[in-house]
Amino acid sequence: MENSQAALLTLGLLLFLKGCSALELKPVTDPVISEVGGNVQLQIKPPGVLAAVNWFFSPAVIPVASWSGSAPVIFPGYVNRVTLNTATGSLELRSVQLNDTGVYAFQGNTVVSGTVEPINGNVNLGVYEPITNVNVKPSLAQPIANQALNLTCEVLGSQTVSSRLWLKDGQPLSTSDRITLSVDNSTVSFNPVLQSDKGTYQCKAENPVSGVTSAGYRLEVNYKEEPTGSGSLSSGEIAGIVMGTLAGVTAVALGVYLSVKLCRNNPHDLKPGPAQSSPGAVTYENCKVPNASAVYENTSAVQRAGEAKNPDSTYTGLQFPDQSTYSTLNRA
């Protein structure tokens, strides 16, 4: 039996390779499409009664299955995942993988009105990974009006994408000289982006076994902050300057307040004198603070005595050329 199967397979291979004259039989479905892990039927319906059939994985001519009137033979690489229908010659493949993608050729014999008729043909099988998710990715985290912006359609789960469709607010996106699509529709470019482009964008990606639409990406177009105030400072910088100025004014006021308070609390506070005797002086409740041009006479009796004893002393007191120019501080 094994010898006859081998002989049939060898004959089938020779007929297949030589391309001998035979009835070209079209499969029931071509191409056959499946996702990874699925089961497929490579179906044929030959005329008459099937006498023999051989299946090969083309173009490498790798034997898959063979039958010639006895138990079918399943070849290595396909054991436990292939079933051959001996009535029609159809082939079932289970748990298909990406490397099962290709052309499956068949060759066999049928008996029509007592005459043996050779048949042949092929079926195309495509195996694809399904698309699991689609995302819209902007080139700028915060799109700015009048600047260029790209939205990219990111497809996950499959490297095979048959088509991409862009939607704006649920409707197909209209293109223009300013809004363009890449060759494969994977990217939409705004050059530049405008306020009129605001809306919800989605990308729908499809391949032969799946189709997924992305979640909506809300496009908000911002305006670039223009310089204000001095013409070159931002509003934040101007606010900082104002706050700094206020802090400086507050510090000055606080210094004046503390000076007055110390003067009031000091037992040797200076008493206010007549306003007309101290031009330019600032008068407080318990003290008088003269202006910066006032010079005080601070000579004590002890200093005068020391001056008399030691005429050569350098610092014996303050002497003024014109006493009428300065104001005198009265001690309490």
C-alpha atoms as a PDB file:
ATOM      1  CA  MET A   1       0.000   0.000   0.000  1.00  0.00           C
ATOM      2  CA  GLU A   2       2.766   2.361   0.896  1.00  0.00           C
ATOM      3  CA  ASN A   3       4.487   1.616  -2.418  1.00  0.00           C
ATOM      4  CA  SER A   4       1.338   2.395  -4.344  1.00  0.00           C
ATOM      5  CA  GLN A   5       0.860   5.657  -2.461  1.00  0.00           C
ATOM      6  CA  ALA A   6       4.451   6.608  -3.161  1.00  0.00           C
ATOM      7  CA  ALA A   7       4.058   5.714  -6.825  1.00  0.00           C
ATOM      8  CA  LEU A   8       0.875   7.799  -7.053  1.00  0.00           C
ATOM      9  CA  LEU A   9       2.535  10.720  -5.390  1.00  0.00           C
ATOM     10  CA  THR A  10       5.526  10.466  -7.694  1.00  0.00           C
ATOM     11  CA  LEU A  11       3.217  10.350 -10.713  1.00  0.00           C
ATOM     12  CA  GLY A  12       1.286  13.308  -9.435  1.00  0.00           C
ATOM     13  CA  LEU A  13       4.473  15.292  -8.906  1.00  0.00           C
ATOM     14  CA  LEU A  14       5.669  14.515 -12.404  1.00  0.00           C
ATOM     15  CA  LEU A  15       2.343  15.542 -13.908  1.00  0.00           C
ATOM     16  CA  PHE A  16       2.294  18.709 -11.820  1.00  0.00           C
ATOM     17  CA  LEU A  17       5.856  19.690 -12.702  1.00  0.00           C
ATOM     18  CA  LYS A  18       5.491  18.905 -16.399  1.00  0.00           C
ATOM     19  CA  GLY A  19       2.133  20.671 -16.603  1.00  0.00           C
ATOM     20  CA  CYS A  20       0.561  17.885 -18.674  1.00  0.00           C
ATOM     21  CA  SER A  21      -2.778  18.527 -20.297  1.00  0.00           C
ATOM     22  CA  ALA A  22      -5.579  18.233 -17.756  1.00  0.00           C
ATOM     23  CA  LEU A  23      -8.939  19.729 -16.898  1.00  0.00           C
ATOM     24  CA  GLU A  24      -8.388  23.041 -15.104  1.00  0.00           C
ATOM     25  CA  LEU A  25     -10.667  22.892 -12.112  1.00  0.00           C
ATOM     26  CA  LYS A  26     -11.649  26.071 -10.300  1.00  0.00           C
ATOM     27  CA  PRO A  27     -11.959  25.845  -6.524  1.00  0.00           C
ATOM     28  CA  VAL A  28     -15.200  26.715  -4.782  1.00  0.00           C
ATOM     29  CA  THR A  29     -13.584  29.720  -3.060  1.00  0.00           C
ATOM     30  CA  ASP A  30     -10.436  31.528  -4.086  1.00  0.00           C
ATOM     31  CA  PRO A  31      -8.731  33.135  -2.280  1.00  0.00           C
ATOM     32  CA  VAL A  32      -9.460  31.661   1.118  1.00  0.00           C
ATOM     33  CA  ILE A  33      -8.878  34.100   4.011  1.00  0.00           C
ATOM     34  CA  SER A  34      -8.313  33.273   7.664  1.00  0.00           C
ATOM     35  CA  GLU A  35      -6.943  34.854  10.816  1.00  0.00           C
ATOM     36  CA  VAL A  36      -4.159  33.180  12.746  1.00  0.00           C
ATOM     37  CA  GLY A  37      -5.423  30.092  14.582  1.00  0.00           C
ATOM     38  CA  GLY A  38      -8.463  29.609  12.372  1.00  0.00           C
ATOM     39  CA  ASN A  39      -9.623  26.577  10.355  1.00  0.00           C
ATOM     40  CA  VAL A  40     -10.041  26.730   6.565  1.00  0.00           C
ATOM     41  CA  GLN A  41     -11.554  24.594   3.815  1.00  0.00           C
ATOM     42  CA  LEU A  42      -9.815  24.375   0.426  1.00  0.00           C
ATOM     43  CA  GLN A  43     -12.823  23.079  -1.475  1.00  0.00           C
ATOM     44  CA  ILE A  44     -12.994  21.570  -4.963  1.00  0.00           C
ATOM     45  CA  LYS A  45     -15.822  19.788  -6.825  1.00  0.00           C
ATOM     46  CA  PRO A  46     -14.443  17.596  -9.619  1.00  0.00           C
ATOM     47  CA  PRO A  47     -16.772  16.140 -12.239  1.00  0.00           C
ATOM     48  CA  GLY A  48     -17.537  12.398 -12.150  1.00  0.00           C
ATOM     49  CA  VAL A  49     -16.111  10.152  -9.459  1.00  0.00           C
ATOM     50  CA  LEU A  50     -12.845  11.043  -7.789  1.00  0.00           C
ATOM     51  CA  ALA A  51     -10.203   8.338  -8.314  1.00  0.00           C
ATOM     52  CA  ALA A  52      -7.103  10.022  -6.829  1.00  0.00           C
ATOM     53  CA  VAL A  53      -5.891  13.407  -5.577  1.00  0.00           C
ATOM     54  CA  ASN A  54      -2.643  14.964  -4.380  1.00  0.00           C
ATOM     55  CA  TRP A  55      -2.141  18.306  -2.639  1.00  0.00           C
ATOM     56  CA  PHE A  56       1.105  20.336  -2.674  1.00  0.00           C
ATOM     57  CA  PHE A  57       2.216  23.568  -1.088  1.00  0.00           C
ATOM     58  CA  SER A  58       3.404  25.657  -4.018  1.00  0.00           C
ATOM     59  CA  PRO A  59       5.754  26.971  -5.320  1.00  0.00           C
ATOM     60  CA  ALA A  60       8.146  24.784  -3.300  1.00  0.00           C
ATOM     61  CA  VAL A  61       6.025  21.704  -4.232  1.00  0.00           C
ATOM     62  CA  ILE A  62       5.947  20.456  -0.625  1.00  0.00           C
ATOM     63  CA  PRO A  63       3.585  17.427  -0.334  1.00  0.00           C
ATOM     64  CA  VAL A  64       0.643  17.977   2.001  1.00  0.00           C
ATOM     65  CA  ALA A  65      -1.739  15.028   1.501  1.00  0.00           C
ATOM     66  CA  SER A  66      -2.385  12.201  -1.007  1.00  0.00           C
ATOM     67  CA  TRP A  67      -5.160   9.648  -1.705  1.00  0.00           C
ATOM     68  CA  SER A  68      -5.682   6.965  -4.359  1.00  0.00           C
ATOM     69  CA  GLY A  69      -8.488   4.673  -3.199  1.00  0.00           C
ATOM     70  CA  SER A  70      -7.213   3.684   0.243  1.00  0.00           C
ATOM     71  CA  ALA A  71      -6.446   5.576   3.469  1.00  0.00           C
ATOM     72  CA  PRO A  72      -5.211   9.118   2.872  1.00  0.00           C
ATOM     73  CA  VAL A  73      -1.557   9.899   3.547  1.00  0.00           C
ATOM     74  CA  ILE A  74      -0.743  13.069   5.514  1.00  0.00           C
ATOM     75  CA  PHE A  75       2.830  14.250   5.132  1.00  0.00           C
ATOM     76  CA  PRO A  76       5.180  15.616   7.827  1.00  0.00           C
ATOM     77  CA  GLY A  77       4.421  19.149   8.893  1.00  0.00           C
ATOM     78  CA  TYR A  78       0.666  18.614   8.450  1.00  0.00           C
ATOM     79  CA  VAL A  79      -0.025  15.568  10.617  1.00  0.00           C
ATOM     80  CA  ASN A  80      -2.925  16.090  13.067  1.00  0.00           C
ATOM     81  CA  ARG A  81      -4.012  19.336  11.448  1.00  0.00           C
ATOM     82  CA  VAL A  82      -5.056  18.245   7.949  1.00  0.00           C
ATOM     83  CA  THR A  83      -8.099  16.260   6.817  1.00  0.00           C
ATOM     84  CA  LEU A  84      -8.571  15.089   3.210  1.00  0.00           C
ATOM     85  CA  ASN A  85     -12.102  14.520   1.901  1.00  0.00           C
ATOM     86  CA  THR A  86     -11.858  11.416  -0.343  1.00  0.00           C
ATOM     87  CA  ALA A  87     -15.261  12.075  -1.925  1.00  0.00           C
ATOM     88  CA  THR A  88     -14.518  15.540  -3.284  1.00  0.00           C
ATOM     89  CA  GLY A  89     -10.755  15.887  -2.828  1.00  0.00           C
ATOM     90  CA  SER A  90     -11.229  18.981  -0.636  1.00  0.00           C
ATOM     91  CA  LEU A  91      -8.587  19.767   2.012  1.00  0.00           C
ATOM     92  CA  GLU A  92      -9.190  21.085   5.528  1.00  0.00           C
ATOM     93  CA  LEU A  93      -6.387  22.939   7.351  1.00  0.00           C
ATOM     94  CA  ARG A  94      -6.740  23.573  11.097  1.00  0.00           C
ATOM     95  CA  SER A  95      -5.010  26.090  13.369  1.00  0.00           C
ATOM     96  CA  VAL A  96      -3.391  27.887  10.455  1.00  0.00           C
ATOM     97  CA  GLN A  97      -0.370  30.126  11.034  1.00  0.00           C
ATOM     98  CA  LEU A  98       1.229  32.968   9.110  1.00  0.00           C
ATOM     99  CA  ASN A  99       3.651  30.578   7.390  1.00  0.00           C
ATOM    100  CA  ASP A 100       0.682  28.665   5.962  1.00  0.00           C
ATOM    101  CA  THR A 101       0.030  31.602   3.658  1.00  0.00           C
ATOM    102  CA  GLY A 102       0.627  30.645   0.033  1.00  0.00           C
ATOM    103  CA  VAL A 103      -0.679  28.671  -2.954  1.00  0.00           C
ATOM    104  CA  TYR A 104      -2.019  25.127  -2.526  1.00  0.00           C
ATOM    105  CA  ALA A 105      -2.022  23.146  -5.789  1.00  0.00           C
ATOM    106  CA  PHE A 106      -3.957  19.945  -6.406  1.00  0.00           C
ATOM    107  CA  GLN A 107      -3.774  17.256  -9.074  1.00  0.00           C
ATOM    108  CA  GLY A 108      -5.850  14.117  -9.455  1.00  0.00           C
ATOM    109  CA  ASN A 109      -8.003  11.838 -11.608  1.00  0.00           C
ATOM    110  CA  THR A 110     -11.749  11.501 -11.985  1.00  0.00           C
ATOM    111  CA  VAL A 111     -13.798   8.961 -13.908  1.00  0.00           C
ATOM    112  CA  VAL A 112     -16.378  10.543 -16.212  1.00  0.00           C
ATOM    113  CA  SER A 113     -18.600   8.150 -18.251  1.00  0.00           C
ATOM    114  CA  GLY A 114     -16.025   5.399 -17.816  1.00  0.00           C
ATOM    115  CA  THR A 115     -13.154   7.623 -18.938  1.00  0.00           C
ATOM    116  CA  VAL A 116     -10.342   8.736 -16.629  1.00  0.00           C
ATOM    117  CA  GLU A 117      -9.938  12.498 -16.749  1.00  0.00           C
ATOM    118  CA  PRO A 118      -6.935  14.247 -15.157  1.00  0.00           C
ATOM    119  CA  ILE A 119      -7.690  17.427 -13.186  1.00  0.00           C
ATOM    120  CA  ASN A 120      -5.593  20.144 -11.593  1.00  0.00           C
ATOM    121  CA  GLY A 121      -5.853  23.599 -10.124  1.00  0.00           C
ATOM    122  CA  ASN A 122      -4.824  25.707  -7.128  1.00  0.00           C
ATOM    123  CA  VAL A 123      -6.221  27.679  -4.202  1.00  0.00           C
ATOM    124  CA  ASN A 124      -4.705  30.808  -2.654  1.00  0.00           C
ATOM    125  CA  LEU A 125      -4.661  30.913   1.147  1.00  0.00           C
ATOM    126  CA  GLY A 126      -4.091  34.127   3.101  1.00  0.00           C
ATOM    127  CA  VAL A 127      -3.513  34.053   6.872  1.00  0.00           C
ATOM    128  CA  TYR A 128      -3.479  37.355   8.801  1.00  0.00           C
ATOM    129  CA  GLU A 129      -3.158  38.602  12.331  1.00  0.00           C
ATOM    130  CA  PRO A 130      -6.204  40.632  13.390  1.00  0.00           C
ATOM    131  CA  ILE A 131      -5.892  44.314  14.235  1.00  0.00           C
ATOM    132  CA  THR A 132      -6.299  44.699  17.988  1.00  0.00           C
ATOM    133  CA  ASN A 133      -6.259  48.474  18.449  1.00  0.00           C
ATOM    134  CA  VAL A 134      -5.898  51.777  16.592  1.00  0.00           C
ATOM    135  CA  ASN A 135      -4.649  55.058  18.095  1.00  0.00           C
ATOM    136  CA  VAL A 136      -4.406  58.626  16.799  1.00  0.00           C
ATOM    137  CA  LYS A 137      -1.066  60.222  17.741  1.00  0.00           C
ATOM    138  CA  PRO A 138      -0.505  64.024  17.345  1.00  0.00           C
ATOM    139  CA  SER A 139       2.961  65.397  16.577  1.00  0.00           C
ATOM    140  CA  LEU A 140       2.396  68.238  19.079  1.00  0.00           C
ATOM    141  CA  ALA A 141       1.005  67.811  22.575  1.00  0.00           C
ATOM    142  CA  GLN A 142      -0.562  71.284  22.352  1.00  0.00           C
ATOM    143  CA  PRO A 143      -1.272  72.258  18.729  1.00  0.00           C
ATOM    144  CA  ILE A 144      -0.654  75.944  18.020  1.00  0.00           C
ATOM    145  CA  ALA A 145      -2.577  77.895  15.410  1.00  0.00           C
ATOM    146  CA  ASN A 146      -0.659  78.629  12.188  1.00  0.00           C
ATOM    147  CA  GLN A 147       1.921  75.904  12.883  1.00  0.00           C
ATOM    148  CA  ALA A 148       2.329  72.526  11.139  1.00  0.00           C
ATOM    149  CA  LEU A 149       0.653  69.493  12.744  1.00  0.00           C
ATOM    150  CA  ASN A 150       0.596  65.760  11.900  1.00  0.00           C
ATOM    151  CA  LEU A 151      -1.861  63.131  13.119  1.00  0.00           C
ATOM    152  CA  THR A 152      -0.606  59.533  12.773  1.00  0.00           C
ATOM    153  CA  CYS A 153      -2.783  56.414  12.635  1.00  0.00           C
ATOM    154  CA  GLU A 154      -1.041  53.827  14.849  1.00  0.00           C
ATOM    155  CA  VAL A 155      -2.179  50.232  14.199  1.00  0.00           C
ATOM    156  CA  LEU A 156      -1.508  47.499  16.768  1.00  0.00           C
ATOM    157  CA  GLY A 157      -1.710  43.706  16.526  1.00  0.00           C
ATOM    158  CA  SER A 158      -1.022  43.260  12.812  1.00  0.00           C
ATOM    159  CA  GLN A 159       1.582  44.372  10.316  1.00  0.00           C
ATOM    160  CA  THR A 160      -0.906  43.975   7.482  1.00  0.00           C
ATOM    161  CA  VAL A 161      -3.195  46.951   6.963  1.00  0.00           C
ATOM    162  CA  SER A 162      -5.306  46.981   3.820  1.00  0.00           C
ATOM    163  CA  SER A 163      -6.792  50.447   4.265  1.00  0.00           C
ATOM    164  CA  ARG A 164      -7.021  53.454   6.585  1.00  0.00           C
ATOM    165  CA  LEU A 165      -9.881  55.934   6.638  1.00  0.00           C
ATOM    166  CA  TRP A 166      -9.754  59.265   8.479  1.00  0.00           C
ATOM    167  CA  LEU A 167     -12.916  60.676  10.058  1.00  0.00           C
ATOM    168  CA  LYS A 168     -13.670  64.135  11.442  1.00  0.00           C
ATOM    169  CA  ASP A 169     -16.710  64.372  13.676  1.00  0.00           C
ATOM    170  CA  GLY A 170     -17.899  61.026  12.318  1.00  0.00           C
ATOM    171  CA  GLN A 171     -17.618  61.972   8.628  1.00  0.00           C
ATOM    172  CA  PRO A 172     -14.858  61.185   6.095  1.00  0.00           C
ATOM    173  CA  LEU A 173     -12.133  63.826   6.320  1.00  0.00           C
ATOM    174  CA  SER A 174     -11.990  66.252   3.417  1.00  0.00           C
ATOM    175  CA  THR A 175      -8.519  67.034   2.080  1.00  0.00           C
ATOM    176  CA  SER A 176      -7.220  70.227   0.484  1.00  0.00           C
ATOM    177  CA  ASP A 177      -3.980  71.980  -0.404  1.00  0.00           C
ATOM    178  CA  ARG A 178      -3.549  72.613   3.315  1.00  0.00           C
ATOM    179  CA  ILE A 179      -4.797  69.216   4.611  1.00  0.00           C
ATOM    180  CA  THR A 180      -3.029  66.269   2.955  1.00  0.00           C
ATOM    181  CA  LEU A 181      -2.696  62.504   3.453  1.00  0.00           C
ATOM    182  CA  SER A 182       0.390  60.309   3.129  1.00  0.00           C
ATOM    183  CA  VAL A 183       0.533  57.671   0.387  1.00  0.00           C
ATOM    184  CA  ASP A 184      -0.747  54.911   2.681  1.00  0.00           C
ATOM    185  CA  ASN A 185      -3.143  57.233   4.562  1.00  0.00           C
ATOM    186  CA  SER A 186      -1.249  56.592   7.783  1.00  0.00           C
ATOM    187  CA  THR A 187      -0.698  60.333   8.403  1.00  0.00           C
ATOM    188  CA  VAL A 188      -2.823  63.428   7.922  1.00  0.00           C
ATOM    189  CA  SER A 189      -0.872  66.700   7.760  1.00  0.00           C
ATOM    190  CA  PHE A 190      -2.153  70.206   8.513  1.00  0.00           C
ATOM    191  CA  ASN A 191       0.108  72.883   7.068  1.00  0.00           C
ATOM    192  CA  PRO A 192      -0.751  74.979   8.935  1.00  0.00           C
ATOM    193  CA  VAL A 193      -3.416  73.976  11.447  1.00  0.00           C
ATOM    194  CA  LEU A 194      -6.222  76.522  11.948  1.00  0.00           C
ATOM    195  CA  GLN A 195      -9.057  77.098  14.382  1.00  0.00           C
ATOM    196  CA  SER A 196     -11.433  75.694  11.767  1.00  0.00           C
ATOM    197  CA  ASP A 197      -9.704  72.305  12.130  1.00  0.00           C
ATOM    198  CA  LYS A 198     -10.998  71.859  15.672  1.00  0.00           C
ATOM    199  CA  GLY A 199     -12.999  68.666  16.093  1.00  0.00           C
ATOM    200  CA  THR A 200     -12.901  64.941  16.927  1.00  0.00           C
ATOM    201  CA  TYR A 201     -10.656  62.826  14.690  1.00  0.00           C
ATOM    202  CA  GLN A 202     -10.691  59.037  14.276  1.00  0.00           C
ATOM    203  CA  CYS A 203      -8.811  56.522  12.142  1.00  0.00           C
ATOM    204  CA  LYS A 204     -10.442  53.325  10.899  1.00  0.00           C
ATOM    205  CA  ALA A 205      -7.963  50.594   9.924  1.00  0.00           C
ATOM    206  CA  GLU A 206      -8.844  47.362   8.146  1.00  0.00           C
ATOM    207  CA  ASN A 207      -7.200  44.188   6.919  1.00  0.00           C
ATOM    208  CA  PRO A 208      -8.782  41.044   5.393  1.00  0.00           C
ATOM    209  CA  VAL A 209      -9.773  39.603   8.786  1.00  0.00           C
ATOM    210  CA  SER A 210     -10.539  42.648  10.963  1.00  0.00           C
ATOM    211  CA  GLY A 211     -11.470  46.298  11.162  1.00  0.00           C
ATOM    212  CA  VAL A 212     -10.994  48.638  14.130  1.00  0.00           C
ATOM    213  CA  THR A 213     -11.855  52.321  14.598  1.00  0.00           C
ATOM    214  CA  SER A 214      -9.790  54.380  17.029  1.00  0.00           C
ATOM    215  CA  ALA A 215     -11.157  56.297  19.959  1.00  0.00           C
ATOM    216  CA  GLY A 216     -11.839  59.934  19.176  1.00  0.00           C
ATOM    217  CA  TYR A 217      -8.938  62.388  19.424  1.00  0.00           C
ATOM    218  CA  ARG A 218     -10.197  65.883  20.257  1.00  0.00           C
ATOM    219  CA  LEU A 219      -8.151  68.488  18.406  1.00  0.00           C
ATOM    220  CA  GLU A 220      -7.991  71.815  20.225  1.00  0.00           C
ATOM    221  CA  VAL A 221      -6.040  74.604  18.528  1.00  0.00           C
ATOM    222  CA  ASN A 222      -4.364  77.124  20.843  1.00  0.00           C
ATOM    223  CA  TYR A 223      -3.114  80.612  20.125  1.00  0.00           C
ATOM    224  CA  LYS A 224       0.535  81.461  20.780  1.00  0.00           C
ATOM    225  CA  GLU A 225       0.925  83.963  23.644  1.00  0.00           C
ATOM    226  CA  GLU A 226       2.031  87.310  22.210  1.00  0.00           C
ATOM    227  CA  PRO A 227       4.315  89.788  24.065  1.00  0.00           C
ATOM    228  CA  THR A 228       2.401  92.575  26.017  1.00  0.00           C
ATOM    229  CA  GLY A 229       3.181  95.544  28.352  1.00  0.00           C
ATOM    230  CA  SER A 230       6.717  96.652  27.376  1.00  0.00           C
ATOM    231  CA  GLY A 231       6.312  94.882  24.038  1.00  0.00           C
ATOM    232  CA  SER A 232       8.888  92.240  24.915  1.00  0.00           C
ATOM    233  CA  LEU A 233       7.716  90.900  28.290  1.00  0.00           C
ATOM    234  CA  SER A 234       5.104  88.240  28.839  1.00  0.00           C
ATOM    235  CA  SER A 235       2.217  88.714  31.253  1.00  0.00           C
ATOM    236  CA  GLY A 236       3.992  86.447  33.737  1.00  0.00           C
ATOM    237  CA  GLU A 237       7.147  88.562  33.615  1.00  0.00           C
ATOM    238  CA  ILE A 238       5.178  91.771  34.078  1.00  0.00           C
ATOM    239  CA  ALA A 239       3.353  90.289  37.067  1.00  0.00           C
ATOM    240  CA  GLY A 240       6.733  89.420  38.602  1.00  0.00           C
ATOM    241  CA  ILE A 241       7.962  92.984  38.171  1.00  0.00           C
ATOM    242  CA  VAL A 242       4.797  94.415  39.747  1.00  0.00           C
ATOM    243  CA  MET A 243       5.046  92.051  42.704  1.00  0.00           C
ATOM    244  CA  GLY A 244       8.718  92.930  43.179  1.00  0.00           C
ATOM    245  CA  THR A 245       7.915  96.650  43.130  1.00  0.00           C
ATOM    246  CA  LEU A 246       5.142  96.233  45.675  1.00  0.00           C
ATOM    247  CA  ALA A 247       7.484  94.231  47.893  1.00  0.00           C
ATOM    248  CA  GLY A 248      10.086  97.014  47.704  1.00  0.00           C
ATOM    249  CA  VAL A 249       7.531  99.714  48.605  1.00  0.00           C
ATOM    250  CA  THR A 250       6.310  97.600  51.496  1.00  0.00           C
ATOM    251  CA  ALA A 251       9.867  97.139  52.758  1.00  0.00           C
ATOM    252  CA  VAL A 252      10.507 100.894  52.687  1.00  0.00           C
ATOM    253  CA  ALA A 253       7.259 101.611  54.518  1.00  0.00           C
ATOM    254  CA  LEU A 254       8.077  98.967  57.101  1.00  0.00           C
ATOM    255  CA  GLY A 255      11.538 100.478  57.608  1.00  0.00           C
ATOM    256  CA  VAL A 256      10.078 103.930  58.247  1.00  0.00           C
ATOM    257  CA  TYR A 257       7.525 102.478  60.650  1.00  0.00           C
ATOM    258  CA  LEU A 258      10.168 100.594  62.626  1.00  0.00           C
ATOM    259  CA  SER A 259      12.421 103.681  62.759  1.00  0.00           C
ATOM    260  CA  VAL A 260       9.609 105.785  64.206  1.00  0.00           C
ATOM    261  CA  LYS A 261       8.662 103.085  66.693  1.00  0.00           C
ATOM    262  CA  LEU A 262      12.251 102.711  67.909  1.00  0.00           C
ATOM    263  CA  CYS A 263      12.517 106.450  68.264  1.00  0.00           C
ATOM    264  CA  ARG A 264       9.308 106.581  70.322  1.00  0.00           C
ATOM    265  CA  ASN A 265      10.372 103.744  72.605  1.00  0.00           C
ATOM    266  CA  ASN A 266      13.935 104.990  73.275  1.00  0.00           C
ATOM    267  CA  PRO A 267      14.270 106.823  76.626  1.00  0.00           C
ATOM    268  CA  HIS A 268      16.635 109.278  74.927  1.00  0.00           C
ATOM    269  CA  ASP A 269      14.186 110.038  72.146  1.00  0.00           C
ATOM    270  CA  LEU A 270      14.679 113.301  70.441  1.00  0.00           C
ATOM    271  CA  LYS A 271      11.846 115.706  71.064  1.00  0.00           C
ATOM    272  CA  PRO A 272      10.279 117.581  68.228  1.00  0.00           C
ATOM    273  CA  GLY A 273      11.316 121.173  67.917  1.00  0.00           C
ATOM    274  CA  PRO A 274       9.565 124.037  66.270  1.00  0.00           C
ATOM    275  CA  ALA A 275       8.896 123.402  62.659  1.00  0.00           C
ATOM    276  CA  GLN A 276      10.428 126.735  61.709  1.00  0.00           C
ATOM    277  CA  SER A 277      13.727 125.840  63.429  1.00  0.00           C
ATOM    278  CA  SER A 278      14.264 122.677  61.414  1.00  0.00           C
ATOM    279  CA  PRO A 279      13.577 123.239  57.753  1.00  0.00           C
ATOM    280  CA  GLY A 280      12.908 120.051  55.846  1.00  0.00           C
ATOM    281  CA  ALA A 281      12.562 117.937  59.000  1.00  0.00           C
ATOM    282  CA  VAL A 282       9.908 115.199  59.347  1.00  0.00           C
ATOM    283  CA  THR A 283       8.098 115.585  62.681  1.00  0.00           C
ATOM    284  CA  TYR A 284       6.685 112.596  64.569  1.00  0.00           C
ATOM    285  CA  GLU A 285       4.853 112.325  67.851  1.00  0.00           C
ATOM    286  CA  ASN A 286       7.941 111.809  70.025  1.00  0.00           C
ATOM    287  CA  CYS A 287      10.858 112.508  67.726  1.00  0.00           C
ATOM    288  CA  LYS A 288      11.950 114.511  64.754  1.00  0.00           C
ATOM    289  CA  VAL A 289      13.861 112.953  61.905  1.00  0.00           C
ATOM    290  CA  PRO A 290      15.765 115.604  59.970  1.00  0.00           C
ATOM    291  CA  ASN A 291      16.518 115.362  56.340  1.00  0.00           C
ATOM    292  CA  ALA A 292      19.717 113.940  54.973  1.00  0.00           C
ATOM    293  CA  SER A 293      21.380 117.364  54.727  1.00  0.00           C
ATOM    294  CA  ALA A 294      21.047 118.078  58.447  1.00  0.00           C
ATOM    295  CA  VAL A 295      24.212 117.785  60.504  1.00  0.00           C
ATOM    296  CA  TYR A 296      24.023 117.309  64.223  1.00  0.00           C
ATOM    297  CA  GLU A 297      26.218 118.826  66.831  1.00  0.00           C
ATOM    298  CA  ASN A 298      27.213 116.104  69.186  1.00  0.00           C
ATOM    299  CA  THR A 299      29.779 117.828  71.417  1.00  0.00           C
ATOM    300  CA  SER A 300      29.541 117.091  75.140  1.00  0.00           C
ATOM    301  CA  ALA A 301      31.000 118.893  78.051  1.00  0.00           C
ATOM    302  CA  VAL A 302      33.370 116.037  78.662  1.00  0.00           C
ATOM    303  CA  GLN A 303      34.635 116.288  75.113  1.00  0.00           C
ATOM    304  CA  ARG A 304      35.202 120.020  75.520  1.00  0.00           C
ATOM    305  CA  ALA A 305      37.151 119.381  78.684  1.00  0.00           C
ATOM    306  CA  GLY A 306      39.236 116.807  76.955  1.00  0.00           C
ATOM    307  CA  GLU A 307      39.916 119.277  74.189  1.00  0.00           C
ATOM    308  CA  ALA A 308      41.197 121.780  76.713  1.00  0.00           C
ATOM    309  CA  LYS A 309      43.578 119.253  78.260  1.00  0.00           C
ATOM    310  CA  ASN A 310      44.716 117.817  74.979  1.00  0.00           C
ATOM    311  CA  PRO A 311      44.655 120.360  72.214  1.00  0.00           C
ATOM    312  CA  ASP A 312      46.277 117.882  69.851  1.00  0.00           C
ATOM    313  CA  SER A 313      43.407 115.453  70.067  1.00  0.00           C
ATOM    314  CA  THR A 314      42.051 114.850  66.606  1.00  0.00           C
ATOM    315  CA  TYR A 315      38.498 113.942  67.515  1.00  0.00           C
ATOM    316  CA  THR A 316      37.342 116.385  70.135  1.00  0.00           C
ATOM    317  CA  GLY A 317      33.979 117.145  68.714  1.00  0.00           C
ATOM    318  CA  LEU A 318      32.296 118.451  65.654  1.00  0.00           C
ATOM    319  CA  GLN A 319      32.871 122.067  64.706  1.00  0.00           C
ATOM    320  CA  PHE A 320      30.865 123.819  62.071  1.00  0.00           C
ATOM    321  CA  PRO A 321      31.752 126.939  60.122  1.00  0.00           C
ATOM    322  CA  ASP A 322      28.225 128.232  60.161  1.00  0.00           C
ATOM    323  CA  GLN A 323      25.949 127.261  63.047  1.00  0.00           C
ATOM    324  CA  SER A 324      22.928 128.790  61.358  1.00  0.00           C
ATOM    325  CA  THR A 325      22.994 126.097  58.672  1.00  0.00           C
ATOM    326  CA  TYR A 326      22.340 123.139  60.967  1.00  0.00           C
ATOM    327  CA  SER A 327      19.597 122.209  63.297  1.00  0.00           C
ATOM    328  CA  THR A 328      20.221 121.337  66.931  1.00  0.00           C
ATOM    329  CA  LEU A 329      18.837 118.216  68.521  1.00  0.00           C
ATOM    330  CA  ASN A 330      17.441 118.903  71.988  1.00  0.00           C
ATOM    331  CA  ARG A 331      18.022 116.210  74.516  1.00  0.00           C
ATOM    332  CA  ALA A 332      15.190 115.117  76.758  1.00  0.00           C
END
